Amino acid sequence: MKHAMLIAFALFAAITLTACSSEYIISTTSGQMIPTDGKPKLNNETGMVEYKDAEGRKATILQSDVKSVIER
């Protein structure tokens, strides 16, 4: 019985942890706070920071407009 409970708990923990993605906040030079789904990435070719917004849509912002990126 204890063995089955341990396995059930381990499976629950593994599923829960894999479903979580980190949320970040992009702070802009104009004072705007943009919540993102996942870590924003810099595209060196375009100079744009690429991210998914809180609703999962792809979006970009100029690197020069980004003041900081904070993990939430």
Protein backbone atom coordinates (compact mmCIF):
# COMPACT_ATOMS: atom_id res chain seq x y z
CA MET A 1 0.00 0.00 0.00
CA LYS A 2 2.78 2.45 0.89
CA HIS A 3 4.59 1.57 -2.33
CA ALA A 4 1.50 2.34 -4.42
CA MET A 5 1.01 5.68 -2.63
CA LEU A 6 4.64 6.58 -3.22
CA ILE A 7 4.35 5.82 -6.94
CA ALA A 8 1.10 7.79 -7.20
CA PHE A 9 2.68 10.78 -5.47
CA ALA A 10 5.77 10.63 -7.71
CA LEU A 11 3.60 10.56 -10.85
CA PHE A 12 1.49 13.46 -9.61
CA ALA A 13 4.60 15.52 -8.81
CA ALA A 14 6.17 14.78 -12.20
CA ILE A 15 3.02 15.76 -14.11
CA THR A 16 2.55 18.92 -12.04
CA LEU A 17 6.14 20.07 -12.48
CA THR A 18 6.22 19.50 -16.24
CA ALA A 19 3.01 21.49 -16.71
CA CYS A 20 4.51 24.60 -15.11
CA SER A 21 6.27 27.13 -17.29
CA SER A 22 8.01 30.17 -15.94
CA GLU A 23 6.31 33.51 -16.27
CA TYR A 24 8.41 36.59 -16.92
CA ILE A 25 7.68 40.31 -16.89
CA ILE A 26 9.24 42.61 -19.47
CA SER A 27 9.71 46.12 -18.09
CA THR A 28 9.92 48.71 -20.88
CA THR A 29 11.67 52.08 -20.97
CA SER A 30 8.22 53.72 -21.16
CA GLY A 31 7.19 52.06 -17.87
CA GLN A 32 4.96 49.38 -19.36
CA MET A 33 4.97 45.92 -17.71
CA ILE A 34 4.36 43.07 -20.16
CA PRO A 35 3.64 39.60 -18.73
CA THR A 36 5.00 36.75 -20.85
CA ASP A 37 4.48 33.01 -21.03
CA GLY A 38 8.00 31.59 -20.95
CA LYS A 39 11.38 33.29 -21.17
CA PRO A 40 11.75 35.99 -23.83
CA LYS A 41 14.56 35.43 -26.36
CA LEU A 42 16.73 37.96 -28.15
CA ASN A 43 16.96 37.61 -31.93
CA ASN A 44 20.43 38.97 -32.69
CA GLU A 45 19.69 39.26 -36.42
CA THR A 46 16.73 41.61 -35.96
CA GLY A 47 17.52 43.22 -32.59
CA MET A 48 14.06 42.22 -31.39
CA VAL A 49 13.08 40.43 -28.19
CA GLU A 50 10.64 37.64 -29.05
CA TYR A 51 8.13 36.33 -26.53
CA LYS A 52 4.69 34.80 -26.12
CA ASP A 53 2.18 37.07 -24.41
CA ALA A 54 0.00 35.92 -21.53
CA GLU A 55 -2.54 34.53 -24.03
CA GLY A 56 0.08 32.52 -25.94
CA ARG A 57 0.40 34.76 -29.00
CA LYS A 58 3.86 35.46 -30.44
CA ALA A 59 4.99 39.06 -30.08
CA THR A 60 8.16 41.13 -30.42
CA ILE A 61 9.58 44.31 -28.95
CA LEU A 62 12.73 46.26 -29.82
CA GLN A 63 15.66 45.40 -27.56
CA SER A 64 16.27 49.11 -26.98
CA ASP A 65 12.74 49.42 -25.55
CA VAL A 66 13.38 46.71 -22.92
CA LYS A 67 14.57 47.99 -19.56
CA SER A 68 14.65 44.61 -17.80
CA VAL A 69 13.26 41.07 -17.81
CA ILE A 70 12.18 39.70 -14.43
CA GLU A 71 11.23 36.11 -13.63
CA ARG A 72 8.01 35.99 -11.68
